[in-house]
Structures are given as structure tokens and as C-alpha cells.
């Protein structure tokens, strides 16, 4: 939006459409601070419009449609009205907009920067020990069951018969 305001957006489209799943729509609404604790229904959509008012000031309007029966309705971003000046909108969303995309997208258990804390290591060790105990218990149980099956039944032996 800032690039559009500055006239440096390439390509300079008048409309950009992104398609997303309901969970992505929910996360986007959560980032805007307007999430209703209900899962967005199928075909719901969020519209973010950039307008220029009569004074040549850029303003943002956010609309939400959660039903095919009704038209989209305005969402007021906390700290702003239904129509919000672009600078204020950007300031309100600054805490949830990544600054270093590459670093933040690599966050998680498989990144180089992930540091195990002692609680995570303890939980991992306990789970490994429990898994090993479970495997040994199953193996021991099967061996015991087979032994009981043989010893509790009759055991037959062939007798040698010499035929002359």
C-alpha cells in the first residue's frame, strides 16, 4: 500500500486478489485484531481497500463477508475508525508485519536458530524412555504369552517305534 501511495508499485495494478483457506482468513483477521472466535465459513472473504479522499489523503477500509446472503460489512480496526488513514493503519499493524522476512520465515524447530530449552529436552527424553519401555513391554508380553501357551497345554512327544 505504501508503494501504491508513492507511485512506485510494479506492476501498478488497480486490484490485487489473493485466495486463501479459512485458516488463513482467520489468521489475517487475528492480525488485524478483528477476529470473531468462530471459524470463517466457506466462501468468506476479507477486502482491504486503499482509497484517496477529496484531500488527496490515502485511507484504508477493511470489509468482511462471512455469508453469501449478505454484502460485505465494514470492520473497524482497533484504534481506528471504519475508514483509517494509511499511516495510522500501517502503525497499528507494525507489530504483526515481519521486518526480516527471511529470518522470520525460517523460525521453528527445523531452523538453525532454534535453541532447545531444558524443559523441551526433558520432555523429549521422557518421551523416548516411555517409548522404549513400551516396546520392551510389548516384546516381553508376547514372549510370556507364547511361553504360557506352550506350558499350559499338553505336550506331545512321538515315541520311537521299531518295526521289525
N, C-alpha and C. Protein backbone atom coordinates (compact mmCIF):
# COMPACT_ATOMS: atom_id res chain seq x y z
N UNK A 1 0.82 -1.19 0.00
CA UNK A 1 0.00 0.00 0.00
C UNK A 1 0.86 1.25 0.00
N UNK A 2 1.97 1.17 0.71
CA UNK A 2 2.87 2.32 0.75
C UNK A 2 3.48 2.55 -0.63
N UNK A 3 3.82 1.46 -1.32
CA UNK A 3 4.36 1.59 -2.68
C UNK A 3 3.32 2.18 -3.62
N UNK A 4 2.08 1.79 -3.44
CA UNK A 4 1.00 2.34 -4.27
C UNK A 4 0.87 3.84 -4.01
N UNK A 5 0.95 4.23 -2.75
CA UNK A 5 0.86 5.65 -2.40
C UNK A 5 1.99 6.45 -3.02
N UNK A 6 3.20 5.86 -2.99
CA UNK A 6 4.37 6.56 -3.52
C UNK A 6 4.44 6.51 -5.04
N UNK A 7 3.59 5.69 -5.66
CA UNK A 7 3.60 5.57 -7.12
C UNK A 7 4.74 4.74 -7.65
N UNK A 8 5.32 3.86 -6.80
CA UNK A 8 6.45 3.03 -7.22
C UNK A 8 6.09 1.55 -7.28
N UNK A 9 4.82 1.23 -7.20
CA UNK A 9 4.39 -0.17 -7.22
C UNK A 9 4.54 -0.72 -8.63
N UNK A 10 5.21 -1.85 -8.76
CA UNK A 10 5.40 -2.50 -10.05
C UNK A 10 4.90 -3.93 -9.97
N UNK A 11 4.04 -4.38 -10.82
CA UNK A 11 3.23 -3.60 -11.74
C UNK A 11 2.17 -2.83 -10.97
N UNK A 12 1.72 -1.76 -11.56
CA UNK A 12 0.79 -0.84 -10.88
C UNK A 12 -0.66 -1.26 -11.13
N UNK A 13 -1.06 -2.35 -10.49
CA UNK A 13 -2.43 -2.85 -10.64
C UNK A 13 -3.40 -2.00 -9.82
N UNK A 14 -4.64 -1.95 -10.29
CA UNK A 14 -5.69 -1.29 -9.51
C UNK A 14 -6.33 -2.28 -8.54
N UNK A 15 -6.16 -3.58 -8.83
CA UNK A 15 -6.77 -4.61 -8.00
C UNK A 15 -5.82 -5.78 -7.88
N UNK A 16 -5.64 -6.26 -6.68
CA UNK A 16 -4.86 -7.47 -6.43
C UNK A 16 -5.73 -8.41 -5.62
N UNK A 17 -5.83 -9.66 -6.06
CA UNK A 17 -6.68 -10.64 -5.39
C UNK A 17 -5.81 -11.79 -4.90
N UNK A 18 -5.98 -12.15 -3.64
CA UNK A 18 -5.32 -13.31 -3.06
C UNK A 18 -6.40 -14.29 -2.63
N UNK A 19 -6.19 -15.55 -2.91
CA UNK A 19 -7.13 -16.58 -2.48
C UNK A 19 -6.51 -17.33 -1.31
N UNK A 20 -7.35 -17.70 -0.34
CA UNK A 20 -6.81 -18.33 0.86
C UNK A 20 -7.82 -19.29 1.47
N UNK A 21 -7.32 -20.15 2.34
CA UNK A 21 -8.18 -21.07 3.09
C UNK A 21 -8.78 -20.35 4.30
N UNK A 22 -9.75 -20.99 4.92
CA UNK A 22 -10.41 -20.38 6.08
C UNK A 22 -9.44 -20.11 7.22
N UNK A 23 -8.45 -20.99 7.40
CA UNK A 23 -7.49 -20.77 8.49
C UNK A 23 -6.62 -19.55 8.22
N UNK A 24 -6.30 -19.31 6.96
CA UNK A 24 -5.51 -18.14 6.60
C UNK A 24 -6.33 -16.87 6.80
N UNK A 25 -7.61 -16.94 6.43
CA UNK A 25 -8.51 -15.79 6.65
C UNK A 25 -8.60 -15.51 8.15
N UNK A 26 -8.73 -16.55 8.96
CA UNK A 26 -8.81 -16.37 10.42
C UNK A 26 -7.53 -15.74 10.96
N UNK A 27 -6.37 -16.20 10.48
CA UNK A 27 -5.10 -15.61 10.94
C UNK A 27 -4.97 -14.16 10.51
N UNK A 28 -5.42 -13.84 9.31
CA UNK A 28 -5.37 -12.46 8.83
C UNK A 28 -6.27 -11.57 9.69
N UNK A 29 -7.48 -12.05 9.99
CA UNK A 29 -8.38 -11.28 10.86
C UNK A 29 -7.80 -11.11 12.26
N UNK A 30 -7.12 -12.16 12.74
CA UNK A 30 -6.47 -12.09 14.05
C UNK A 30 -5.37 -11.03 14.04
N UNK A 31 -4.59 -10.98 12.97
CA UNK A 31 -3.53 -9.97 12.86
C UNK A 31 -4.11 -8.56 12.82
N UNK A 32 -5.28 -8.42 12.21
CA UNK A 32 -5.93 -7.11 12.17
C UNK A 32 -6.58 -6.75 13.50
N UNK A 33 -6.73 -7.75 14.39
CA UNK A 33 -7.35 -7.52 15.69
C UNK A 33 -8.86 -7.52 15.65
N UNK A 34 -9.46 -8.14 14.63
CA UNK A 34 -10.92 -8.14 14.49
C UNK A 34 -11.49 -9.55 14.36
N UNK A 35 -10.73 -10.56 14.80
CA UNK A 35 -11.19 -11.94 14.66
C UNK A 35 -12.34 -12.24 15.62
N UNK A 36 -13.42 -12.76 15.05
CA UNK A 36 -14.55 -13.24 15.84
C UNK A 36 -14.24 -14.71 16.13
N UNK A 37 -14.30 -15.15 17.38
CA UNK A 37 -13.85 -16.51 17.68
C UNK A 37 -14.71 -17.62 17.07
N UNK A 38 -15.07 -17.45 15.84
CA UNK A 38 -15.74 -18.50 15.08
C UNK A 38 -14.96 -18.70 13.80
N UNK A 39 -14.84 -19.93 13.38
CA UNK A 39 -14.11 -20.21 12.15
C UNK A 39 -14.80 -19.55 10.97
N UNK A 40 -14.05 -18.87 10.11
CA UNK A 40 -14.68 -18.25 8.94
C UNK A 40 -15.34 -19.32 8.07
N UNK A 41 -16.57 -19.10 7.67
CA UNK A 41 -17.25 -20.11 6.85
C UNK A 41 -16.68 -20.17 5.44
N UNK A 42 -17.08 -21.21 4.74
CA UNK A 42 -16.69 -21.39 3.35
C UNK A 42 -17.15 -20.18 2.55
N UNK A 43 -16.37 -19.72 1.64
CA UNK A 43 -16.59 -18.56 0.76
C UNK A 43 -16.51 -17.22 1.49
N UNK A 44 -16.00 -17.18 2.71
CA UNK A 44 -15.83 -15.88 3.36
C UNK A 44 -14.67 -15.14 2.71
N UNK A 45 -14.67 -13.82 2.84
CA UNK A 45 -13.60 -13.03 2.24
C UNK A 45 -13.36 -11.76 3.03
N UNK A 46 -12.13 -11.27 2.90
CA UNK A 46 -11.74 -10.00 3.51
C UNK A 46 -11.29 -9.09 2.37
N UNK A 47 -11.85 -7.90 2.34
CA UNK A 47 -11.47 -6.89 1.35
C UNK A 47 -10.68 -5.80 2.05
N UNK A 48 -9.53 -5.46 1.53
CA UNK A 48 -8.74 -4.34 2.05
C UNK A 48 -8.63 -3.35 0.90
N UNK A 49 -9.26 -2.20 1.08
CA UNK A 49 -9.33 -1.21 0.01
C UNK A 49 -8.48 0.01 0.37
N UNK A 50 -7.77 0.51 -0.61
CA UNK A 50 -6.99 1.73 -0.45
C UNK A 50 -7.68 2.82 -1.26
N UNK A 51 -8.09 3.87 -0.57
CA UNK A 51 -8.83 4.97 -1.19
C UNK A 51 -8.05 6.27 -1.07
N UNK A 52 -8.33 7.17 -1.99
CA UNK A 52 -7.80 8.53 -1.89
C UNK A 52 -9.00 9.45 -1.69
N UNK A 53 -9.00 10.21 -0.58
CA UNK A 53 -10.16 11.08 -0.31
C UNK A 53 -10.06 12.39 -1.10
N UNK A 54 -10.99 13.29 -0.84
CA UNK A 54 -11.04 14.57 -1.57
C UNK A 54 -9.81 15.44 -1.31
N UNK A 55 -9.13 15.21 -0.19
CA UNK A 55 -7.95 15.99 0.18
C UNK A 55 -6.66 15.31 -0.29
N UNK A 56 -6.80 14.29 -1.18
CA UNK A 56 -5.65 13.54 -1.71
C UNK A 56 -4.91 12.76 -0.63
N UNK A 57 -5.61 12.39 0.45
CA UNK A 57 -5.02 11.59 1.53
C UNK A 57 -5.46 10.14 1.33
N UNK A 58 -4.52 9.22 1.53
CA UNK A 58 -4.83 7.80 1.38
C UNK A 58 -5.48 7.26 2.64
N UNK A 59 -6.52 6.47 2.44
CA UNK A 59 -7.25 5.85 3.55
C UNK A 59 -7.47 4.37 3.23
N UNK A 60 -7.59 3.60 4.30
CA UNK A 60 -7.80 2.15 4.17
C UNK A 60 -9.16 1.80 4.75
N UNK A 61 -9.85 0.93 4.03
CA UNK A 61 -11.12 0.41 4.53
C UNK A 61 -11.05 -1.11 4.45
N UNK A 62 -11.44 -1.78 5.54
CA UNK A 62 -11.45 -3.25 5.59
C UNK A 62 -12.89 -3.71 5.69
N UNK A 63 -13.25 -4.64 4.81
CA UNK A 63 -14.60 -5.20 4.81
C UNK A 63 -14.51 -6.71 4.94
N UNK A 64 -15.56 -7.31 5.48
CA UNK A 64 -15.60 -8.76 5.69
C UNK A 64 -16.95 -9.29 5.24
N UNK A 65 -16.90 -10.37 4.50
CA UNK A 65 -18.13 -11.05 4.10
C UNK A 65 -18.03 -12.48 4.58
N UNK A 66 -18.93 -12.87 5.47
CA UNK A 66 -18.90 -14.23 6.01
C UNK A 66 -20.15 -15.02 5.63
N UNK A 67 -20.88 -14.53 4.65
CA UNK A 67 -22.07 -15.23 4.19
C UNK A 67 -22.34 -14.82 2.75
N UNK A 68 -22.84 -15.76 1.97
CA UNK A 68 -23.18 -15.42 0.59
C UNK A 68 -24.52 -14.70 0.51
N UNK A 69 -25.24 -14.63 1.63
CA UNK A 69 -26.55 -13.99 1.65
C UNK A 69 -26.46 -12.48 1.85
N UNK A 70 -25.35 -12.01 2.42
CA UNK A 70 -25.24 -10.60 2.77
C UNK A 70 -24.03 -9.97 2.09
N UNK A 71 -24.11 -8.66 1.92
CA UNK A 71 -22.99 -7.90 1.35
C UNK A 71 -21.89 -7.76 2.41
N UNK A 72 -20.65 -7.52 1.97
CA UNK A 72 -19.57 -7.30 2.94
C UNK A 72 -19.87 -6.10 3.85
N UNK A 73 -19.43 -6.20 5.09
CA UNK A 73 -19.64 -5.10 6.03
C UNK A 73 -18.28 -4.58 6.53
N UNK A 74 -18.28 -3.32 6.96
CA UNK A 74 -17.05 -2.67 7.42
C UNK A 74 -16.55 -3.29 8.72
N UNK A 75 -15.24 -3.42 8.81
CA UNK A 75 -14.58 -3.82 10.05
C UNK A 75 -13.77 -2.63 10.55
N UNK A 76 -13.96 -2.28 11.79
CA UNK A 76 -13.18 -1.19 12.38
C UNK A 76 -11.96 -1.79 13.07
N UNK A 77 -10.79 -1.45 12.60
CA UNK A 77 -9.56 -1.92 13.21
C UNK A 77 -9.43 -1.25 14.57
N UNK A 78 -9.12 -2.00 15.64
CA UNK A 78 -8.97 -1.38 16.96
C UNK A 78 -7.96 -0.23 16.92
N UNK A 79 -8.40 0.92 17.38
CA UNK A 79 -7.56 2.12 17.36
C UNK A 79 -7.82 2.99 16.16
N UNK A 80 -8.80 2.59 15.34
CA UNK A 80 -9.10 3.34 14.12
C UNK A 80 -10.60 3.24 13.83
N UNK A 81 -11.08 4.11 12.97
CA UNK A 81 -12.49 4.05 12.55
C UNK A 81 -12.62 3.08 11.39
N UNK A 82 -13.84 2.98 10.84
CA UNK A 82 -14.06 2.08 9.70
C UNK A 82 -13.21 2.48 8.51
N UNK A 83 -12.97 3.78 8.35
CA UNK A 83 -12.05 4.28 7.33
C UNK A 83 -10.86 4.86 8.08
N UNK A 84 -9.69 4.32 7.80
CA UNK A 84 -8.50 4.64 8.60
C UNK A 84 -7.42 5.27 7.70
N UNK A 85 -6.79 6.35 8.15
CA UNK A 85 -5.67 6.90 7.37
C UNK A 85 -4.57 5.85 7.19
N UNK A 86 -3.97 5.81 6.02
CA UNK A 86 -2.98 4.79 5.69
C UNK A 86 -1.83 4.76 6.70
N UNK A 87 -1.32 5.91 7.10
CA UNK A 87 -0.20 5.95 8.04
C UNK A 87 -0.58 5.34 9.39
N UNK A 88 -1.78 5.65 9.86
CA UNK A 88 -2.24 5.10 11.14
C UNK A 88 -2.46 3.59 11.01
N UNK A 89 -3.02 3.17 9.89
CA UNK A 89 -3.23 1.74 9.63
C UNK A 89 -1.90 0.99 9.67
N UNK A 90 -0.90 1.54 9.00
CA UNK A 90 0.43 0.92 8.97
C UNK A 90 1.05 0.89 10.37
N UNK A 91 0.88 1.96 11.15
CA UNK A 91 1.41 1.99 12.52
C UNK A 91 0.73 0.96 13.41
N UNK A 92 -0.58 0.80 13.26
CA UNK A 92 -1.31 -0.17 14.07
C UNK A 92 -0.90 -1.61 13.76
N UNK A 93 -0.55 -1.87 12.51
CA UNK A 93 -0.20 -3.23 12.10
C UNK A 93 1.30 -3.51 12.17
N UNK A 94 2.09 -2.50 12.50
CA UNK A 94 3.54 -2.67 12.55
C UNK A 94 3.98 -3.85 13.42
N UNK A 95 3.35 -4.10 14.59
CA UNK A 95 3.79 -5.23 15.42
C UNK A 95 3.60 -6.61 14.77
N UNK A 96 2.72 -6.73 13.80
CA UNK A 96 2.48 -8.05 13.20
C UNK A 96 3.04 -8.18 11.78
N UNK A 97 3.68 -7.14 11.29
CA UNK A 97 4.27 -7.20 9.95
C UNK A 97 5.75 -7.55 10.10
N UNK A 98 6.19 -8.65 9.48
CA UNK A 98 7.60 -9.04 9.59
C UNK A 98 8.53 -7.98 9.02
N UNK A 99 9.62 -7.74 9.72
CA UNK A 99 10.63 -6.80 9.25
C UNK A 99 11.65 -7.56 8.40
N UNK A 100 12.12 -8.69 8.93
CA UNK A 100 13.09 -9.52 8.22
C UNK A 100 12.38 -10.81 7.81
N UNK A 101 11.82 -10.81 6.61
CA UNK A 101 11.01 -11.94 6.14
C UNK A 101 11.79 -13.25 6.15
N UNK A 102 13.03 -13.22 5.68
CA UNK A 102 13.82 -14.45 5.58
C UNK A 102 14.05 -15.06 6.96
N UNK A 103 14.42 -14.25 7.92
CA UNK A 103 14.69 -14.76 9.27
C UNK A 103 13.41 -15.28 9.92
N UNK A 104 12.32 -14.53 9.81
CA UNK A 104 11.08 -14.92 10.48
C UNK A 104 10.42 -16.13 9.82
N UNK A 105 10.61 -16.32 8.53
CA UNK A 105 10.02 -17.47 7.86
C UNK A 105 10.78 -18.75 8.17
N UNK A 106 12.01 -18.64 8.64
CA UNK A 106 12.80 -19.82 8.99
C UNK A 106 12.66 -20.18 10.46
N UNK A 107 11.83 -19.48 11.20
CA UNK A 107 11.67 -19.77 12.62
C UNK A 107 11.01 -21.12 12.78
N UNK A 108 11.37 -21.84 13.81
CA UNK A 108 10.74 -23.12 14.08
C UNK A 108 11.76 -24.16 14.46
N UNK A 109 11.30 -25.38 14.58
CA UNK A 109 12.13 -26.46 15.09
C UNK A 109 13.22 -26.87 14.10
N UNK A 110 13.02 -26.65 12.81
CA UNK A 110 13.98 -27.10 11.83
C UNK A 110 14.96 -26.01 11.40
N UNK A 111 14.92 -24.86 12.02
CA UNK A 111 15.83 -23.79 11.64
C UNK A 111 17.14 -23.91 12.40
N UNK A 112 18.15 -23.20 11.90
CA UNK A 112 19.46 -23.21 12.56
C UNK A 112 19.44 -22.43 13.87
N UNK A 113 18.52 -21.49 13.99
CA UNK A 113 18.48 -20.62 15.17
C UNK A 113 17.71 -21.20 16.34
N UNK A 114 17.07 -22.37 16.14
CA UNK A 114 16.22 -22.92 17.19
C UNK A 114 17.08 -23.41 18.34
N UNK A 115 16.80 -22.95 19.54
CA UNK A 115 17.55 -23.37 20.72
C UNK A 115 16.61 -24.15 21.63
N UNK A 116 17.03 -25.38 21.96
CA UNK A 116 16.23 -26.18 22.88
C UNK A 116 16.37 -25.61 24.28
N UNK A 117 15.27 -25.51 24.98
CA UNK A 117 15.38 -25.14 26.38
C UNK A 117 15.33 -26.42 27.21
N UNK A 118 15.64 -26.33 28.47
CA UNK A 118 15.77 -27.53 29.30
C UNK A 118 14.45 -28.28 29.43
N UNK A 119 13.34 -27.58 29.43
CA UNK A 119 12.04 -28.25 29.53
C UNK A 119 11.76 -29.07 28.28
N UNK A 120 12.09 -28.55 27.11
CA UNK A 120 11.89 -29.29 25.87
C UNK A 120 12.77 -30.53 25.82
N UNK A 121 14.01 -30.40 26.27
CA UNK A 121 14.93 -31.54 26.29
C UNK A 121 14.42 -32.59 27.27
N UNK A 122 13.96 -32.18 28.43
CA UNK A 122 13.43 -33.12 29.42
C UNK A 122 12.21 -33.85 28.87
N UNK A 123 11.31 -33.12 28.23
CA UNK A 123 10.11 -33.74 27.66
C UNK A 123 10.49 -34.74 26.57
N UNK A 124 11.47 -34.41 25.74
CA UNK A 124 11.92 -35.31 24.69
C UNK A 124 12.53 -36.58 25.29
N UNK A 125 13.34 -36.43 26.33
CA UNK A 125 13.95 -37.60 26.97
C UNK A 125 12.90 -38.49 27.62
N UNK A 126 11.95 -37.91 28.31
CA UNK A 126 10.89 -38.70 28.95
C UNK A 126 10.09 -39.45 27.90
N UNK A 127 9.76 -38.81 26.80
CA UNK A 127 9.02 -39.48 25.73
C UNK A 127 9.81 -40.62 25.12
N UNK A 128 11.11 -40.45 24.94
CA UNK A 128 11.95 -41.53 24.40
C UNK A 128 12.00 -42.71 25.37
N UNK A 129 12.17 -42.44 26.65
CA UNK A 129 12.21 -43.51 27.65
C UNK A 129 10.88 -44.26 27.68
N UNK A 130 9.78 -43.52 27.65
CA UNK A 130 8.46 -44.17 27.64
C UNK A 130 8.27 -45.02 26.38
N UNK A 131 8.75 -44.56 25.25
CA UNK A 131 8.63 -45.33 24.01
C UNK A 131 9.43 -46.63 24.10
N UNK A 132 10.66 -46.56 24.64
CA UNK A 132 11.49 -47.76 24.80
C UNK A 132 10.82 -48.73 25.77
N UNK A 133 10.30 -48.23 26.89
CA UNK A 133 9.61 -49.09 27.85
C UNK A 133 8.39 -49.75 27.23
N UNK A 134 7.67 -49.03 26.41
CA UNK A 134 6.50 -49.59 25.74
C UNK A 134 6.91 -50.72 24.80
N UNK A 135 7.97 -50.54 24.03
CA UNK A 135 8.44 -51.58 23.11
C UNK A 135 8.88 -52.81 23.90
N UNK A 136 9.66 -52.62 24.97
CA UNK A 136 10.09 -53.76 25.78
C UNK A 136 8.90 -54.47 26.42
N UNK A 137 7.92 -53.73 26.88
CA UNK A 137 6.73 -54.34 27.48
C UNK A 137 5.97 -55.19 26.46
N UNK A 138 5.84 -54.70 25.26
CA UNK A 138 5.14 -55.47 24.23
C UNK A 138 5.92 -56.73 23.89
N UNK A 139 7.23 -56.62 23.71
CA UNK A 139 8.06 -57.80 23.39
C UNK A 139 8.00 -58.80 24.54
N UNK A 140 8.14 -58.34 25.77
CA UNK A 140 8.08 -59.24 26.93
C UNK A 140 6.70 -59.90 27.04
N UNK A 141 5.65 -59.11 26.81
CA UNK A 141 4.29 -59.66 26.87
C UNK A 141 4.05 -60.74 25.84
N UNK A 142 4.54 -60.55 24.64
CA UNK A 142 4.37 -61.57 23.59
C UNK A 142 5.15 -62.82 23.94
N UNK A 143 6.38 -62.68 24.43
CA UNK A 143 7.19 -63.84 24.81
C UNK A 143 6.54 -64.59 25.96
N UNK A 144 6.04 -63.89 26.95
CA UNK A 144 5.38 -64.53 28.09
C UNK A 144 4.11 -65.26 27.65
N UNK A 145 3.36 -64.63 26.76
CA UNK A 145 2.12 -65.24 26.28
C UNK A 145 2.41 -66.53 25.51
N UNK A 146 3.46 -66.53 24.70
CA UNK A 146 3.82 -67.74 23.96
C UNK A 146 4.29 -68.85 24.90
N UNK A 147 5.04 -68.47 25.92
CA UNK A 147 5.54 -69.47 26.88
C UNK A 147 4.37 -70.09 27.64
N UNK A 148 3.42 -69.26 28.06
CA UNK A 148 2.25 -69.75 28.79
C UNK A 148 1.42 -70.68 27.90
N UNK A 149 1.32 -70.36 26.66
CA UNK A 149 0.53 -71.16 25.73
C UNK A 149 1.12 -72.56 25.60
N UNK A 150 2.46 -72.66 25.54
CA UNK A 150 3.11 -73.97 25.41
C UNK A 150 3.07 -74.73 26.72
N UNK A 151 3.33 -74.08 27.85
CA UNK A 151 3.43 -74.79 29.13
C UNK A 151 2.07 -75.14 29.72
N UNK A 152 1.03 -74.46 29.35
CA UNK A 152 -0.26 -74.76 29.95
C UNK A 152 -1.01 -75.85 29.20
N UNK A 153 -0.61 -76.13 27.99
CA UNK A 153 -1.27 -77.17 27.22
C UNK A 153 -0.54 -78.49 27.38
N UNK A 154 -1.08 -79.51 26.76
CA UNK A 154 -0.43 -80.81 26.78
C UNK A 154 0.71 -80.80 25.78
N UNK A 155 1.74 -81.47 26.14
CA UNK A 155 2.89 -81.55 25.26
C UNK A 155 2.95 -82.99 24.76
N UNK A 156 2.97 -83.16 23.51
CA UNK A 156 3.01 -84.50 22.92
C UNK A 156 4.40 -84.75 22.36
N UNK A 157 4.87 -86.01 22.61
CA UNK A 157 6.16 -86.43 22.05
C UNK A 157 5.92 -87.71 21.28
N UNK A 158 6.60 -87.82 20.18
CA UNK A 158 6.48 -89.05 19.42
C UNK A 158 7.32 -90.13 20.09
N UNK A 159 6.77 -91.29 20.17
CA UNK A 159 7.51 -92.43 20.71
C UNK A 159 8.17 -93.16 19.56
N UNK A 160 9.37 -93.61 19.83
CA UNK A 160 10.07 -94.37 18.79
C UNK A 160 9.43 -95.74 18.69
N UNK A 161 9.18 -96.06 17.52
CA UNK A 161 8.64 -97.41 17.29
C UNK A 161 9.56 -98.14 16.34
N UNK A 162 10.06 -99.24 16.85
CA UNK A 162 10.91 -100.06 15.98
C UNK A 162 10.03 -101.11 15.32
N UNK A 163 10.02 -101.06 14.06
CA UNK A 163 9.23 -102.04 13.31
C UNK A 163 10.18 -103.09 12.77
N UNK A 164 9.94 -104.36 13.18
CA UNK A 164 10.77 -105.49 12.71
C UNK A 164 10.00 -106.37 11.81
